[in-house]
Amino acid sequence: MNSNRRTQGERSAATRDALIAAGRALFGARGYADVATEEVVRAAGVSRGALYHHFADKAELFAAVFESVEEMTSARIVAAVTAAGQDDPIVAMQLGTAAFLDICTESEMARIMLIDAPAVLGAQGWSASPRTLLCPWRASCSARSARPRSSSPPRPTPPPPATRWAPY
């Protein structure tokens, strides 16, 4: 038996990665609406069946592309903050914000993260991603996600009763 053969899991992961990479390049260059699934499978070098084996539809592929872009963005932010070696949390937040804004100036990133993601995933899907762009510091995210959560969303507190202010 050849020990250099890839397992089914490895082949499946490679196919999924190829689809995400092709989707990222195409969605980043032209936008979600202007990319057909046929183009994605052709660029990935896989069959249409492979696409639908891994993703229910084009929107689900886009969600995976967005998640990969988010992971890469978070890694770049963390690298920028870590490289600066700052112990001051305010300075670290400023550096992280600057790194995020620099990333947002890249056309591929801006199109995927800021233009198409809210439209394709909806506001809730865009902000409920497993790794949120607004929380690149993993320790903070892990601590926040480890807290027990209520099964229902928190209720907003009602505003105080309106009072009439009369200047006279």
Protein backbone atom coordinates (compact mmCIF):
# COMPACT_ATOMS: atom_id res chain seq x y z
CA MET A 1 0.00 0.00 0.00
CA ASN A 2 1.33 3.43 -0.94
CA SER A 3 1.71 5.62 2.16
CA ASN A 4 1.94 8.78 0.00
CA ARG A 5 -1.71 8.56 -1.05
CA ARG A 6 -3.94 11.22 0.37
CA THR A 7 -6.89 10.18 2.48
CA GLN A 8 -10.46 10.96 1.48
CA GLY A 9 -10.55 13.63 4.17
CA GLU A 10 -7.42 15.28 2.79
CA ARG A 11 -8.80 15.22 -0.77
CA SER A 12 -12.10 16.64 0.44
CA ALA A 13 -10.34 19.43 2.36
CA ALA A 14 -8.21 20.24 -0.69
CA THR A 15 -11.31 20.49 -2.88
CA ARG A 16 -13.06 22.74 -0.36
CA ASP A 17 -9.94 24.92 -0.06
CA ALA A 18 -9.70 25.19 -3.86
CA LEU A 19 -13.33 26.30 -4.09
CA ILE A 20 -12.83 28.90 -1.36
CA ALA A 21 -9.63 30.21 -2.96
CA ALA A 22 -11.29 30.47 -6.38
CA GLY A 23 -14.37 32.10 -4.84
CA ARG A 24 -12.25 34.60 -2.98
CA ALA A 25 -10.33 35.61 -6.10
CA LEU A 26 -13.47 35.94 -8.23
CA PHE A 27 -15.74 37.55 -5.60
CA GLY A 28 -12.93 39.92 -4.64
CA ALA A 29 -12.27 40.96 -8.23
CA ARG A 30 -15.82 41.28 -9.54
CA GLY A 31 -18.26 40.97 -6.65
CA TYR A 32 -20.72 38.29 -5.63
CA ALA A 33 -23.47 39.25 -8.09
CA ASP A 34 -21.17 39.18 -11.13
CA VAL A 35 -19.68 35.72 -10.51
CA ALA A 36 -21.42 32.55 -11.68
CA THR A 37 -20.86 29.21 -9.96
CA GLU A 38 -19.61 27.83 -13.29
CA GLU A 39 -16.70 30.27 -13.12
CA VAL A 40 -15.87 29.22 -9.57
CA VAL A 41 -15.75 25.50 -10.38
CA ARG A 42 -13.71 26.15 -13.53
CA ALA A 43 -11.20 28.31 -11.60
CA ALA A 44 -10.99 25.72 -8.80
CA GLY A 45 -10.55 22.87 -11.29
CA VAL A 46 -13.39 20.83 -9.81
CA SER A 47 -16.82 19.66 -10.89
CA ARG A 48 -20.13 21.33 -10.18
CA GLY A 49 -20.99 18.27 -8.07
CA ALA A 50 -17.96 18.96 -5.88
CA LEU A 51 -19.19 22.51 -5.30
CA TYR A 52 -22.62 21.28 -4.23
CA HIS A 53 -21.12 18.50 -2.13
CA HIS A 54 -19.37 21.10 0.03
CA PHE A 55 -21.79 24.02 -0.20
CA ALA A 56 -25.56 24.13 -0.53
CA ASP A 57 -25.44 27.14 -2.84
CA LYS A 58 -23.39 30.13 -3.94
CA ALA A 59 -24.32 32.06 -0.79
CA GLU A 60 -22.94 29.30 1.43
CA LEU A 61 -19.72 29.33 -0.58
CA PHE A 62 -19.55 33.08 -0.11
CA ALA A 63 -20.03 32.65 3.65
CA ALA A 64 -17.02 30.31 3.69
CA VAL A 65 -15.01 32.82 1.64
CA PHE A 66 -15.99 35.57 4.06
CA GLU A 67 -14.94 33.45 7.03
CA SER A 68 -11.55 32.74 5.46
CA VAL A 69 -11.06 36.45 4.72
CA GLU A 70 -12.05 37.23 8.30
CA GLU A 71 -9.53 34.72 9.67
CA MET A 72 -6.77 36.17 7.52
CA THR A 73 -7.73 39.71 8.51
CA SER A 74 -7.67 38.80 12.20
CA ALA A 75 -4.27 37.15 11.79
CA ARG A 76 -2.89 40.26 10.09
CA ILE A 77 -4.24 42.51 12.84
CA VAL A 78 -2.80 40.31 15.56
CA ALA A 79 0.55 40.21 13.75
CA ALA A 80 0.63 44.01 13.49
CA VAL A 81 -0.18 44.48 17.16
CA THR A 82 2.22 41.75 18.28
CA ALA A 83 5.06 43.12 16.13
CA ALA A 84 4.71 46.50 17.82
CA GLY A 85 5.25 44.86 21.21
CA GLN A 86 2.92 47.24 22.99
CA ASP A 87 1.82 46.52 26.55
CA ASP A 88 -0.56 49.46 26.68
CA PRO A 89 -4.02 48.15 25.70
CA ILE A 90 -5.13 51.52 24.32
CA VAL A 91 -2.11 51.72 22.01
CA ALA A 92 -2.66 48.08 21.01
CA MET A 93 -6.29 48.88 20.11
CA GLN A 94 -5.16 51.89 18.10
CA LEU A 95 -2.62 49.75 16.23
CA GLY A 96 -5.23 47.04 15.60
CA THR A 97 -7.72 49.59 14.32
CA ALA A 98 -5.11 51.13 12.02
CA ALA A 99 -4.21 47.68 10.68
CA PHE A 100 -7.91 46.90 10.08
CA LEU A 101 -8.45 50.18 8.25
CA ASP A 102 -5.37 49.52 6.10
CA ILE A 103 -6.81 46.12 5.18
CA CYS A 104 -10.13 47.75 4.30
CA THR A 105 -8.36 49.88 1.67
CA GLU A 106 -7.48 46.74 -0.32
CA SER A 107 -10.15 46.45 -3.01
CA GLU A 108 -10.59 42.66 -2.73
CA MET A 109 -10.97 42.85 1.03
CA ALA A 110 -13.31 45.85 0.95
CA ARG A 111 -15.54 44.24 -1.66
CA ILE A 112 -15.86 40.94 0.23
CA MET A 113 -15.99 42.22 3.82
CA LEU A 114 -17.72 45.56 3.56
CA ILE A 115 -19.79 45.55 0.37
CA ASP A 116 -20.90 42.01 -0.43
CA ALA A 117 -20.94 40.36 3.00
CA PRO A 118 -23.69 42.55 4.49
CA ALA A 119 -25.75 42.20 1.32
CA VAL A 120 -25.28 38.44 0.86
CA LEU A 121 -25.21 37.30 4.48
CA GLY A 122 -27.58 39.91 5.87
CA ALA A 123 -26.75 42.07 8.86
CA GLN A 124 -27.20 39.23 11.33
CA GLY A 125 -25.14 36.71 9.35
CA TRP A 126 -22.45 39.29 8.71
CA SER A 127 -22.06 40.20 12.37
CA ALA A 128 -22.62 36.68 13.75
CA SER A 129 -19.62 35.17 12.03
CA PRO A 130 -17.62 32.73 14.20
CA ARG A 131 -14.66 35.11 14.25
CA THR A 132 -15.73 38.69 14.28
CA LEU A 133 -13.43 41.25 12.70
CA LEU A 134 -14.03 43.57 15.58
CA CYS A 135 -12.43 41.11 17.99
CA PRO A 136 -9.07 40.04 16.60
CA TRP A 137 -7.50 39.51 19.98
CA ARG A 138 -8.20 35.81 20.46
CA ALA A 139 -7.94 35.76 24.25
CA SER A 140 -10.66 38.37 24.51
CA CYS A 141 -12.87 36.47 22.07
CA SER A 142 -12.32 33.18 23.87
CA ALA A 143 -13.14 34.68 27.25
CA ARG A 144 -16.26 36.30 25.87
CA SER A 145 -17.45 33.14 24.13
CA ALA A 146 -16.82 31.02 27.23
CA ARG A 147 -19.35 32.97 29.27
CA PRO A 148 -22.75 31.30 29.54
CA ARG A 149 -25.31 32.81 27.24
CA SER A 150 -29.01 33.13 27.63
CA SER A 151 -31.11 31.13 25.20
CA SER A 152 -32.97 34.27 24.22
CA PRO A 153 -31.45 37.54 23.06
CA PRO A 154 -31.16 40.24 25.71
CA ARG A 155 -34.11 42.54 25.87
CA PRO A 156 -33.35 46.18 25.28
CA THR A 157 -34.03 48.43 28.22
CA PRO A 158 -36.80 50.89 27.52
CA PRO A 159 -35.81 54.53 27.39
CA PRO A 160 -36.80 56.66 30.37
CA PRO A 161 -40.18 58.30 30.10
CA ALA A 162 -40.06 61.41 28.01
CA THR A 163 -40.13 64.57 30.01
CA ARG A 164 -41.09 67.88 28.63
CA TRP A 165 -38.49 70.50 28.89
CA ALA A 166 -39.80 73.98 28.77
CA PRO A 167 -37.35 76.84 28.50
CA TYR A 168 -39.82 79.27 30.10
